């Protein structure tokens, strides 16, 4: 799955303001138990093969979550335009085909 280019991060509406106000991230994944909640945004980093958004929870602990589950990364245009009618993105389906072909080759060799 292609990752968002870092230049997107500098244009986000939740970036710190000129006066140094704290920035916030909102959890946007509809099935996450913290859906809709906002937290102090710390940083976005590439960890464990995906972009992770770090934030401070209510107790001040540093917590991370996949960045695409938040408002830190702009929504995928395909997902937005499909209006919930498309369950998969083309890039995800192509990655699945590649994985299945790899597994098929390994199975044939066993």
PDB file of N, CA and C in Angstrom:
ATOM      1  N   UNK A   1       0.859  -1.172   0.000  1.00  0.00           N
ATOM      2  CA  UNK A   1       0.000   0.000   0.000  1.00  0.00           C
ATOM      3  C   UNK A   1       0.901   1.230   0.000  1.00  0.00           C
ATOM      4  N   UNK A   2       0.748   2.122  -0.956  1.00  0.00           N
ATOM      5  CA  UNK A   2       1.593   3.304  -0.998  1.00  0.00           C
ATOM      6  C   UNK A   2       1.317   4.217   0.188  1.00  0.00           C
ATOM      7  N   UNK A   3       2.391   4.802   0.685  1.00  0.00           N
ATOM      8  CA  UNK A   3       2.276   5.707   1.820  1.00  0.00           C
ATOM      9  C   UNK A   3       2.161   7.146   1.334  1.00  0.00           C
ATOM     10  N   UNK A   4       1.568   7.977   2.134  1.00  0.00           N
ATOM     11  CA  UNK A   4       1.425   9.383   1.785  1.00  0.00           C
ATOM     12  C   UNK A   4       2.790  10.041   1.776  1.00  0.00           C
ATOM     13  N   UNK A   5       3.056  10.879   0.800  1.00  0.00           N
ATOM     14  CA  UNK A   5       4.341  11.571   0.786  1.00  0.00           C
ATOM     15  C   UNK A   5       4.429  12.551   1.947  1.00  0.00           C
ATOM     16  N   UNK A   6       5.645  12.691   2.532  1.00  0.00           N
ATOM     17  CA  UNK A   6       5.805  13.565   3.691  1.00  0.00           C
ATOM     18  C   UNK A   6       5.382  15.002   3.444  1.00  0.00           C
ATOM     19  N   UNK A   7       5.420  15.488   2.195  1.00  0.00           N
ATOM     20  CA  UNK A   7       5.044  16.884   1.960  1.00  0.00           C
ATOM     21  C   UNK A   7       3.587  17.147   2.299  1.00  0.00           C
ATOM     22  N   UNK A   8       2.756  16.101   2.367  1.00  0.00           N
ATOM     23  CA  UNK A   8       1.364  16.310   2.765  1.00  0.00           C
ATOM     24  C   UNK A   8       1.256  16.749   4.214  1.00  0.00           C
ATOM     25  N   UNK A   9       2.180  16.295   5.035  1.00  0.00           N
ATOM     26  CA  UNK A   9       2.109  16.582   6.463  1.00  0.00           C
ATOM     27  C   UNK A   9       2.205  18.065   6.749  1.00  0.00           C
ATOM     28  N   UNK A  10       2.988  18.807   5.956  1.00  0.00           N
ATOM     29  CA  UNK A  10       3.192  20.221   6.256  1.00  0.00           C
ATOM     30  C   UNK A  10       1.967  21.067   5.907  1.00  0.00           C
ATOM     31  N   UNK A  11       1.006  20.525   5.167  1.00  0.00           N
ATOM     32  CA  UNK A  11      -0.160  21.299   4.760  1.00  0.00           C
ATOM     33  C   UNK A  11      -1.417  20.984   5.564  1.00  0.00           C
ATOM     34  N   UNK A  12      -1.313  20.123   6.550  1.00  0.00           N
ATOM     35  CA  UNK A  12      -2.505  19.693   7.249  1.00  0.00           C
ATOM     36  C   UNK A  12      -3.066  20.781   8.143  1.00  0.00           C
ATOM     37  N   UNK A  13      -4.382  20.771   8.284  1.00  0.00           N
ATOM     38  CA  UNK A  13      -5.042  21.784   9.090  1.00  0.00           C
ATOM     39  C   UNK A  13      -4.787  21.607  10.571  1.00  0.00           C
ATOM     40  N   UNK A  14      -4.304  20.440  10.984  1.00  0.00           N
ATOM     41  CA  UNK A  14      -4.052  20.238  12.402  1.00  0.00           C
ATOM     42  C   UNK A  14      -2.593  20.483  12.775  1.00  0.00           C
ATOM     43  N   UNK A  15      -1.816  21.068  11.850  1.00  0.00           N
ATOM     44  CA  UNK A  15      -0.426  21.405  12.153  1.00  0.00           C
ATOM     45  C   UNK A  15      -0.393  22.556  13.142  1.00  0.00           C
ATOM     46  N   UNK A  16       0.680  22.635  13.953  1.00  0.00           N
ATOM     47  CA  UNK A  16       0.742  23.722  14.924  1.00  0.00           C
ATOM     48  C   UNK A  16       0.646  25.075  14.249  1.00  0.00           C
ATOM     49  N   UNK A  17      -0.059  25.972  14.860  1.00  0.00           N
ATOM     50  CA  UNK A  17      -0.221  27.308  14.311  1.00  0.00           C
ATOM     51  C   UNK A  17       1.012  28.165  14.522  1.00  0.00           C
ATOM     52  N   UNK A  18       0.995  29.339  13.942  1.00  0.00           N
ATOM     53  CA  UNK A  18       2.130  30.252  14.039  1.00  0.00           C
ATOM     54  C   UNK A  18       2.389  30.658  15.485  1.00  0.00           C
ATOM     55  N   UNK A  19       1.364  30.664  16.318  1.00  0.00           N
ATOM     56  CA  UNK A  19       1.523  31.067  17.707  1.00  0.00           C
ATOM     57  C   UNK A  19       1.898  29.891  18.607  1.00  0.00           C
ATOM     58  N   UNK A  20       2.146  28.732  18.031  1.00  0.00           N
ATOM     59  CA  UNK A  20       2.539  27.560  18.797  1.00  0.00           C
ATOM     60  C   UNK A  20       1.404  26.877  19.537  1.00  0.00           C
ATOM     61  N   UNK A  21       0.169  27.094  19.089  1.00  0.00           N
ATOM     62  CA  UNK A  21      -0.962  26.418  19.728  1.00  0.00           C
ATOM     63  C   UNK A  21      -0.784  24.912  19.585  1.00  0.00           C
ATOM     64  N   UNK A  22      -1.310  24.153  20.538  1.00  0.00           N
ATOM     65  CA  UNK A  22      -1.210  22.699  20.394  1.00  0.00           C
ATOM     66  C   UNK A  22      -2.021  22.241  19.191  1.00  0.00           C
ATOM     67  N   UNK A  23      -1.554  21.194  18.550  1.00  0.00           N
ATOM     68  CA  UNK A  23      -2.321  20.626  17.440  1.00  0.00           C
ATOM     69  C   UNK A  23      -3.015  19.363  17.936  1.00  0.00           C
ATOM     70  N   UNK A  24      -4.080  19.000  17.284  1.00  0.00           N
ATOM     71  CA  UNK A  24      -4.875  17.857  17.711  1.00  0.00           C
ATOM     72  C   UNK A  24      -5.082  16.894  16.558  1.00  0.00           C
ATOM     73  N   UNK A  25      -5.253  15.632  16.908  1.00  0.00           N
ATOM     74  CA  UNK A  25      -5.652  14.662  15.905  1.00  0.00           C
ATOM     75  C   UNK A  25      -6.976  14.065  16.351  1.00  0.00           C
ATOM     76  N   UNK A  26      -7.797  13.726  15.383  1.00  0.00           N
ATOM     77  CA  UNK A  26      -9.102  13.123  15.661  1.00  0.00           C
ATOM     78  C   UNK A  26      -9.089  11.702  15.108  1.00  0.00           C
ATOM     79  N   UNK A  27      -9.569  10.764  15.887  1.00  0.00           N
ATOM     80  CA  UNK A  27      -9.652   9.377  15.435  1.00  0.00           C
ATOM     81  C   UNK A  27     -10.881   9.254  14.551  1.00  0.00           C
ATOM     82  N   UNK A  28     -10.646   8.877  13.295  1.00  0.00           N
ATOM     83  CA  UNK A  28     -11.715   8.870  12.293  1.00  0.00           C
ATOM     84  C   UNK A  28     -12.144   7.460  11.875  1.00  0.00           C
ATOM     85  N   UNK A  29     -11.433   6.432  12.335  1.00  0.00           N
ATOM     86  CA  UNK A  29     -11.819   5.064  11.964  1.00  0.00           C
ATOM     87  C   UNK A  29     -13.169   4.756  12.611  1.00  0.00           C
ATOM     88  N   UNK A  30     -14.201   4.439  11.822  1.00  0.00           N
ATOM     89  CA  UNK A  30     -15.547   4.301  12.378  1.00  0.00           C
ATOM     90  C   UNK A  30     -15.721   3.178  13.396  1.00  0.00           C
ATOM     91  N   UNK A  31     -14.855   2.168  13.385  1.00  0.00           N
ATOM     92  CA  UNK A  31     -15.003   1.055  14.311  1.00  0.00           C
ATOM     93  C   UNK A  31     -14.050   1.122  15.495  1.00  0.00           C
ATOM     94  N   UNK A  32     -13.227   2.167  15.560  1.00  0.00           N
ATOM     95  CA  UNK A  32     -12.305   2.309  16.694  1.00  0.00           C
ATOM     96  C   UNK A  32     -13.096   2.765  17.919  1.00  0.00           C
ATOM     97  N   UNK A  33     -12.800   2.213  19.088  1.00  0.00           N
ATOM     98  CA  UNK A  33     -13.570   2.592  20.287  1.00  0.00           C
ATOM     99  C   UNK A  33     -13.439   4.070  20.667  1.00  0.00           C
ATOM    100  N   UNK A  34     -12.401   4.733  20.189  1.00  0.00           N
ATOM    101  CA  UNK A  34     -12.213   6.158  20.492  1.00  0.00           C
ATOM    102  C   UNK A  34     -12.642   7.049  19.330  1.00  0.00           C
ATOM    103  N   UNK A  35     -13.436   6.509  18.418  1.00  0.00           N
ATOM    104  CA  UNK A  35     -13.897   7.255  17.241  1.00  0.00           C
ATOM    105  C   UNK A  35     -14.451   8.627  17.639  1.00  0.00           C
ATOM    106  N   UNK A  36     -13.975   9.656  16.932  1.00  0.00           N
ATOM    107  CA  UNK A  36     -14.472  11.009  17.150  1.00  0.00           C
ATOM    108  C   UNK A  36     -13.734  11.795  18.216  1.00  0.00           C
ATOM    109  N   UNK A  37     -12.956  11.132  19.036  1.00  0.00           N
ATOM    110  CA  UNK A  37     -12.229  11.841  20.091  1.00  0.00           C
ATOM    111  C   UNK A  37     -11.012  12.551  19.521  1.00  0.00           C
ATOM    112  N   UNK A  38     -10.644  13.650  20.168  1.00  0.00           N
ATOM    113  CA  UNK A  38      -9.474  14.423  19.754  1.00  0.00           C
ATOM    114  C   UNK A  38      -8.424  14.383  20.849  1.00  0.00           C
ATOM    115  N   UNK A  39      -7.161  14.336  20.406  1.00  0.00           N
ATOM    116  CA  UNK A  39      -6.026  14.266  21.315  1.00  0.00           C
ATOM    117  C   UNK A  39      -4.925  15.194  20.823  1.00  0.00           C
ATOM    118  N   UNK A  40      -3.991  15.482  21.715  1.00  0.00           N
ATOM    119  CA  UNK A  40      -2.842  16.312  21.343  1.00  0.00           C
ATOM    120  C   UNK A  40      -1.952  15.533  20.384  1.00  0.00           C
ATOM    121  N   UNK A  41      -1.796  16.047  19.194  1.00  0.00           N
ATOM    122  CA  UNK A  41      -0.958  15.411  18.174  1.00  0.00           C
ATOM    123  C   UNK A  41       0.502  15.710  18.462  1.00  0.00           C
ATOM    124  N   UNK A  42       1.364  14.670  18.368  1.00  0.00           N
ATOM    125  CA  UNK A  42       2.783  14.843  18.640  1.00  0.00           C
ATOM    126  C   UNK A  42       3.588  14.788  17.347  1.00  0.00           C
ATOM    127  N   UNK A  43       3.501  13.660  16.627  1.00  0.00           N
ATOM    128  CA  UNK A  43       4.312  13.486  15.421  1.00  0.00           C
ATOM    129  C   UNK A  43       3.738  12.339  14.591  1.00  0.00           C
ATOM    130  N   UNK A  44       4.093  12.313  13.333  1.00  0.00           N
ATOM    131  CA  UNK A  44       3.737  11.213  12.440  1.00  0.00           C
ATOM    132  C   UNK A  44       5.054  10.608  11.953  1.00  0.00           C
ATOM    133  N   UNK A  45       5.196   9.273  12.117  1.00  0.00           N
ATOM    134  CA  UNK A  45       6.435   8.596  11.741  1.00  0.00           C
ATOM    135  C   UNK A  45       6.119   7.289  11.020  1.00  0.00           C
ATOM    136  N   UNK A  46       7.085   6.837  10.245  1.00  0.00           N
ATOM    137  CA  UNK A  46       6.976   5.544   9.579  1.00  0.00           C
ATOM    138  C   UNK A  46       7.551   4.485  10.518  1.00  0.00           C
ATOM    139  N   UNK A  47       6.691   3.652  11.075  1.00  0.00           N
ATOM    140  CA  UNK A  47       7.097   2.576  11.989  1.00  0.00           C
ATOM    141  C   UNK A  47       6.352   1.312  11.605  1.00  0.00           C
ATOM    142  N   UNK A  48       7.038   0.179  11.725  1.00  0.00           N
ATOM    143  CA  UNK A  48       6.432  -1.122  11.457  1.00  0.00           C
ATOM    144  C   UNK A  48       5.808  -1.175  10.054  1.00  0.00           C
ATOM    145  N   UNK A  49       6.426  -0.485   9.112  1.00  0.00           N
ATOM    146  CA  UNK A  49       5.981  -0.542   7.730  1.00  0.00           C
ATOM    147  C   UNK A  49       4.781   0.309   7.387  1.00  0.00           C
ATOM    148  N   UNK A  50       4.332   1.156   8.312  1.00  0.00           N
ATOM    149  CA  UNK A  50       3.205   2.038   8.013  1.00  0.00           C
ATOM    150  C   UNK A  50       3.359   3.344   8.768  1.00  0.00           C
ATOM    151  N   UNK A  51       2.646   4.350   8.301  1.00  0.00           N
ATOM    152  CA  UNK A  51       2.668   5.636   8.980  1.00  0.00           C
ATOM    153  C   UNK A  51       1.870   5.529  10.273  1.00  0.00           C
ATOM    154  N   UNK A  52       2.469   5.975  11.356  1.00  0.00           N
ATOM    155  CA  UNK A  52       1.829   5.940  12.666  1.00  0.00           C
ATOM    156  C   UNK A  52       1.749   7.367  13.197  1.00  0.00           C
ATOM    157  N   UNK A  53       0.612   7.714  13.751  1.00  0.00           N
ATOM    158  CA  UNK A  53       0.408   9.024  14.370  1.00  0.00           C
ATOM    159  C   UNK A  53       0.554   8.853  15.873  1.00  0.00           C
ATOM    160  N   UNK A  54       1.394   9.691  16.474  1.00  0.00           N
ATOM    161  CA  UNK A  54       1.602   9.655  17.917  1.00  0.00           C
ATOM    162  C   UNK A  54       0.829  10.799  18.559  1.00  0.00           C
ATOM    163  N   UNK A  55       0.206  10.499  19.682  1.00  0.00           N
ATOM    164  CA  UNK A  55      -0.574  11.508  20.390  1.00  0.00           C
ATOM    165  C   UNK A  55      -0.484  11.263  21.888  1.00  0.00           C
ATOM    166  N   UNK A  56      -0.917  12.255  22.654  1.00  0.00           N
ATOM    167  CA  UNK A  56      -0.964  12.141  24.114  1.00  0.00           C
ATOM    168  C   UNK A  56      -2.400  11.838  24.524  1.00  0.00           C
ATOM    169  N   UNK A  57      -2.565  10.767  25.314  1.00  0.00           N
ATOM    170  CA  UNK A  57      -3.914  10.431  25.781  1.00  0.00           C
ATOM    171  C   UNK A  57      -4.286  11.288  26.991  1.00  0.00           C
ATOM    172  N   UNK A  58      -5.419  10.981  27.609  1.00  0.00           N
ATOM    173  CA  UNK A  58      -5.921  11.779  28.733  1.00  0.00           C
ATOM    174  C   UNK A  58      -4.948  11.827  29.908  1.00  0.00           C
ATOM    175  N   UNK A  59      -4.157  10.765  30.090  1.00  0.00           N
ATOM    176  CA  UNK A  59      -3.196  10.724  31.191  1.00  0.00           C
ATOM    177  C   UNK A  59      -1.834  11.292  30.797  1.00  0.00           C
ATOM    178  N   UNK A  60      -1.699  11.725  29.537  1.00  0.00           N
ATOM    179  CA  UNK A  60      -0.429  12.275  29.070  1.00  0.00           C
ATOM    180  C   UNK A  60       0.527  11.240  28.515  1.00  0.00           C
ATOM    181  N   UNK A  61       0.078   9.991  28.399  1.00  0.00           N
ATOM    182  CA  UNK A  61       0.927   8.932  27.847  1.00  0.00           C
ATOM    183  C   UNK A  61       1.036   9.082  26.334  1.00  0.00           C
ATOM    184  N   UNK A  62       2.207   8.750  25.811  1.00  0.00           N
ATOM    185  CA  UNK A  62       2.414   8.774  24.372  1.00  0.00           C
ATOM    186  C   UNK A  62       1.838   7.495  23.782  1.00  0.00           C
ATOM    187  N   UNK A  63       0.925   7.631  22.831  1.00  0.00           N
ATOM    188  CA  UNK A  63       0.229   6.504  22.219  1.00  0.00           C
ATOM    189  C   UNK A  63       0.353   6.650  20.706  1.00  0.00           C
ATOM    190  N   UNK A  64       0.400   5.512  19.998  1.00  0.00           N
ATOM    191  CA  UNK A  64       0.423   5.603  18.540  1.00  0.00           C
ATOM    192  C   UNK A  64      -0.717   4.788  17.958  1.00  0.00           C
ATOM    193  N   UNK A  65      -1.102   5.175  16.754  1.00  0.00           N
ATOM    194  CA  UNK A  65      -2.223   4.576  16.045  1.00  0.00           C
ATOM    195  C   UNK A  65      -1.902   4.682  14.553  1.00  0.00           C
ATOM    196  N   UNK A  66      -2.379   3.760  13.721  1.00  0.00           N
ATOM    197  CA  UNK A  66      -2.159   3.941  12.284  1.00  0.00           C
ATOM    198  C   UNK A  66      -2.663   5.323  11.848  1.00  0.00           C
ATOM    199  N   UNK A  67      -1.815   6.050  11.162  1.00  0.00           N
ATOM    200  CA  UNK A  67      -2.144   7.435  10.800  1.00  0.00           C
ATOM    201  C   UNK A  67      -3.391   7.526   9.929  1.00  0.00           C
ATOM    202  N   UNK A  68      -3.650   6.501   9.114  1.00  0.00           N
ATOM    203  CA  UNK A  68      -4.837   6.569   8.253  1.00  0.00           C
ATOM    204  C   UNK A  68      -6.130   6.328   9.024  1.00  0.00           C
ATOM    205  N   UNK A  69      -6.036   6.042  10.312  1.00  0.00           N
ATOM    206  CA  UNK A  69      -7.215   5.947  11.172  1.00  0.00           C
ATOM    207  C   UNK A  69      -7.531   7.287  11.814  1.00  0.00           C
ATOM    208  N   UNK A  70      -6.799   8.327  11.423  1.00  0.00           N
ATOM    209  CA  UNK A  70      -6.953   9.660  12.010  1.00  0.00           C
ATOM    210  C   UNK A  70      -7.135  10.692  10.911  1.00  0.00           C
ATOM    211  N   UNK A  71      -7.280  11.944  11.312  1.00  0.00           N
ATOM    212  CA  UNK A  71      -7.362  13.033  10.346  1.00  0.00           C
ATOM    213  C   UNK A  71      -5.991  13.559   9.958  1.00  0.00           C
ATOM    214  N   UNK A  72      -4.914  12.918  10.421  1.00  0.00           N
ATOM    215  CA  UNK A  72      -3.557  13.371  10.111  1.00  0.00           C
ATOM    216  C   UNK A  72      -3.262  13.198   8.627  1.00  0.00           C
ATOM    217  N   UNK A  73      -3.756  12.126   8.049  1.00  0.00           N
ATOM    218  CA  UNK A  73      -3.573  11.882   6.611  1.00  0.00           C
ATOM    219  C   UNK A  73      -4.906  12.150   5.930  1.00  0.00           C
ATOM    220  N   UNK A  74      -4.885  12.908   4.846  1.00  0.00           N
ATOM    221  CA  UNK A  74      -6.148  13.170   4.141  1.00  0.00           C
ATOM    222  C   UNK A  74      -6.807  11.868   3.693  1.00  0.00           C
ATOM    223  N   UNK A  75      -8.132  11.825   3.672  1.00  0.00           N
ATOM    224  CA  UNK A  75      -8.824  10.599   3.250  1.00  0.00           C
ATOM    225  C   UNK A  75      -8.490  10.235   1.807  1.00  0.00           C
ATOM    226  N   UNK A  76      -8.492   8.955   1.538  1.00  0.00           N
ATOM    227  CA  UNK A  76      -8.245   8.465   0.186  1.00  0.00           C
ATOM    228  C   UNK A  76      -9.372   8.958  -0.713  1.00  0.00           C
ATOM    229  N   UNK A  77      -9.049   9.609  -1.838  1.00  0.00           N
ATOM    230  CA  UNK A  77     -10.095  10.123  -2.726  1.00  0.00           C
ATOM    231  C   UNK A  77     -11.042   9.042  -3.241  1.00  0.00           C
ATOM    232  N   UNK A  78     -10.518   7.831  -3.484  1.00  0.00           N
ATOM    233  CA  UNK A  78     -11.373   6.748  -3.966  1.00  0.00           C
ATOM    234  C   UNK A  78     -12.421   6.403  -2.914  1.00  0.00           C
ATOM    235  N   UNK A  79     -11.983   6.341  -1.660  1.00  0.00           N
ATOM    236  CA  UNK A  79     -12.908   6.020  -0.569  1.00  0.00           C
ATOM    237  C   UNK A  79     -13.953   7.128  -0.435  1.00  0.00           C
ATOM    238  N   UNK A  80     -13.519   8.368  -0.527  1.00  0.00           N
ATOM    239  CA  UNK A  80     -14.437   9.497  -0.406  1.00  0.00           C
ATOM    240  C   UNK A  80     -15.463   9.517  -1.541  1.00  0.00           C
ATOM    241  N   UNK A  81     -14.976   9.336  -2.774  1.00  0.00           N
ATOM    242  CA  UNK A  81     -15.871   9.395  -3.925  1.00  0.00           C
ATOM    243  C   UNK A  81     -16.827   8.210  -4.002  1.00  0.00           C
ATOM    244  N   UNK A  82     -16.408   7.066  -3.459  1.00  0.00           N
ATOM    245  CA  UNK A  82     -17.278   5.889  -3.531  1.00  0.00           C
ATOM    246  C   UNK A  82     -18.451   6.003  -2.562  1.00  0.00           C
ATOM    247  N   UNK A  83     -18.357   6.882  -1.594  1.00  0.00           N
ATOM    248  CA  UNK A  83     -19.449   7.066  -0.643  1.00  0.00           C
ATOM    249  C   UNK A  83     -19.809   5.801   0.113  1.00  0.00           C
ATOM    250  N   UNK A  84     -18.793   4.974   0.396  1.00  0.00           N
ATOM    251  CA  UNK A  84     -19.048   3.746   1.146  1.00  0.00           C
ATOM    252  C   UNK A  84     -19.468   2.568   0.289  1.00  0.00           C
ATOM    253  N   UNK A  85     -19.571   2.764  -1.022  1.00  0.00           N
ATOM    254  CA  UNK A  85     -20.010   1.673  -1.894  1.00  0.00           C
ATOM    255  C   UNK A  85     -18.871   0.741  -2.286  1.00  0.00           C
ATOM    256  N   UNK A  86     -17.624   1.204  -2.146  1.00  0.00           N
ATOM    257  CA  UNK A  86     -16.470   0.385  -2.510  1.00  0.00           C
ATOM    258  C   UNK A  86     -15.759  -0.069  -1.241  1.00  0.00           C
ATOM    259  N   UNK A  87     -15.604  -1.356  -1.085  1.00  0.00           N
ATOM    260  CA  UNK A  87     -14.974  -1.883   0.118  1.00  0.00           C
ATOM    261  C   UNK A  87     -13.468  -1.890   0.017  1.00  0.00           C
ATOM    262  N   UNK A  88     -12.929  -1.900  -1.215  1.00  0.00           N
ATOM    263  CA  UNK A  88     -11.488  -2.037  -1.399  1.00  0.00           C
ATOM    264  C   UNK A  88     -10.976  -1.001  -2.392  1.00  0.00           C
ATOM    265  N   UNK A  89      -9.737  -0.568  -2.153  1.00  0.00           N
ATOM    266  CA  UNK A  89      -9.070   0.315  -3.106  1.00  0.00           C
ATOM    267  C   UNK A  89      -8.323  -0.554  -4.106  1.00  0.00           C
ATOM    268  N   UNK A  90      -8.095  -0.030  -5.290  1.00  0.00           N
ATOM    269  CA  UNK A  90      -7.397  -0.789  -6.330  1.00  0.00           C
ATOM    270  C   UNK A  90      -6.007  -1.184  -5.848  1.00  0.00           C
ATOM    271  N   UNK A  91      -5.289  -0.266  -5.218  1.00  0.00           N
ATOM    272  CA  UNK A  91      -3.934  -0.573  -4.730  1.00  0.00           C
ATOM    273  C   UNK A  91      -3.949  -1.730  -3.737  1.00  0.00           C
ATOM    274  N   UNK A  92      -4.971  -1.772  -2.878  1.00  0.00           N
ATOM    275  CA  UNK A  92      -5.079  -2.860  -1.913  1.00  0.00           C
ATOM    276  C   UNK A  92      -5.363  -4.191  -2.601  1.00  0.00           C
ATOM    277  N   UNK A  93      -6.223  -4.182  -3.617  1.00  0.00           N
ATOM    278  CA  UNK A  93      -6.535  -5.410  -4.353  1.00  0.00           C
ATOM    279  C   UNK A  93      -5.313  -5.920  -5.115  1.00  0.00           C
ATOM    280  N   UNK A  94      -4.531  -5.009  -5.695  1.00  0.00           N
ATOM    281  CA  UNK A  94      -3.312  -5.416  -6.393  1.00  0.00           C
ATOM    282  C   UNK A  94      -2.296  -6.004  -5.428  1.00  0.00           C
ATOM    283  N   UNK A  95      -2.186  -5.431  -4.234  1.00  0.00           N
ATOM    284  CA  UNK A  95      -1.287  -5.980  -3.213  1.00  0.00           C
ATOM    285  C   UNK A  95      -1.753  -7.371  -2.791  1.00  0.00           C
ATOM    286  N   UNK A  96      -3.051  -7.577  -2.695  1.00  0.00           N
ATOM    287  CA  UNK A  96      -3.592  -8.888  -2.341  1.00  0.00           C
ATOM    288  C   UNK A  96      -3.271  -9.917  -3.424  1.00  0.00           C
ATOM    289  N   UNK A  97      -3.418  -9.547  -4.682  1.00  0.00           N
ATOM    290  CA  UNK A  97      -3.089 -10.457  -5.788  1.00  0.00           C
ATOM    291  C   UNK A  97      -1.619 -10.850  -5.723  1.00  0.00           C
ATOM    292  N   UNK A  98      -0.759  -9.884  -5.466  1.00  0.00           N
ATOM    293  CA  UNK A  98       0.680 -10.158  -5.373  1.00  0.00           C
ATOM    294  C   UNK A  98       0.955 -11.128  -4.223  1.00  0.00           C
ATOM    295  N   UNK A  99       0.332 -10.917  -3.086  1.00  0.00           N
ATOM    296  CA  UNK A  99       0.510 -11.797  -1.937  1.00  0.00           C
ATOM    297  C   UNK A  99       0.018 -13.207  -2.258  1.00  0.00           C
ATOM    298  N   UNK A 100      -1.148 -13.312  -2.873  1.00  0.00           N
ATOM    299  CA  UNK A 100      -1.693 -14.636  -3.207  1.00  0.00           C
ATOM    300  C   UNK A 100      -0.804 -15.379  -4.195  1.00  0.00           C
ATOM    301  N   UNK A 101      -0.254 -14.651  -5.149  1.00  0.00           N
ATOM    302  CA  UNK A 101       0.662 -15.293  -6.106  1.00  0.00           C
ATOM    303  C   UNK A 101       1.913 -15.792  -5.401  1.00  0.00           C
ATOM    304  N   UNK A 102       2.427 -15.024  -4.466  1.00  0.00           N
ATOM    305  CA  UNK A 102       3.602 -15.439  -3.700  1.00  0.00           C
ATOM    306  C   UNK A 102       3.294 -16.689  -2.892  1.00  0.00           C
ATOM    307  N   UNK A 103       2.155 -16.721  -2.247  1.00  0.00           N
ATOM    308  CA  UNK A 103       1.762 -17.893  -1.462  1.00  0.00           C
ATOM    309  C   UNK A 103       1.555 -19.109  -2.358  1.00  0.00           C
ATOM    310  N   UNK A 104       1.010 -18.894  -3.546  1.00  0.00           N
ATOM    311  CA  UNK A 104       0.780 -19.982  -4.485  1.00  0.00           C
ATOM    312  C   UNK A 104       2.106 -20.592  -4.930  1.00  0.00           C
ATOM    313  N   UNK A 105       3.100 -19.746  -5.191  1.00  0.00           N
ATOM    314  CA  UNK A 105       4.416 -20.226  -5.613  1.00  0.00           C
ATOM    315  C   UNK A 105       5.078 -21.002  -4.479  1.00  0.00           C
ATOM    316  N   UNK A 106       4.942 -20.504  -3.244  1.00  0.00           N
ATOM    317  CA  UNK A 106       5.521 -21.213  -2.103  1.00  0.00           C
ATOM    318  C   UNK A 106       4.852 -22.561  -1.900  1.00  0.00           C
ATOM    319  N   UNK A 107       3.539 -22.615  -2.109  1.00  0.00           N
ATOM    320  CA  UNK A 107       2.815 -23.870  -1.932  1.00  0.00           C
ATOM    321  C   UNK A 107       3.225 -24.890  -2.984  1.00  0.00           C
ATOM    322  N   UNK A 108       3.438 -24.440  -4.205  1.00  0.00           N
ATOM    323  CA  UNK A 108       3.846 -25.353  -5.284  1.00  0.00           C
ATOM    324  C   UNK A 108       5.238 -25.929  -4.999  1.00  0.00           C
ATOM    325  N   UNK A 109       6.100 -25.127  -4.360  1.00  0.00           N
ATOM    326  CA  UNK A 109       7.447 -25.575  -4.054  1.00  0.00           C
ATOM    327  C   UNK A 109       7.515 -26.508  -2.867  1.00  0.00           C
ATOM    328  N   UNK A 110       6.456 -26.570  -2.086  1.00  0.00           N
ATOM    329  CA  UNK A 110       6.483 -27.402  -0.860  1.00  0.00           C
ATOM    330  C   UNK A 110       6.241 -28.862  -1.159  1.00  0.00           C
TER     331      UNK A 110
END
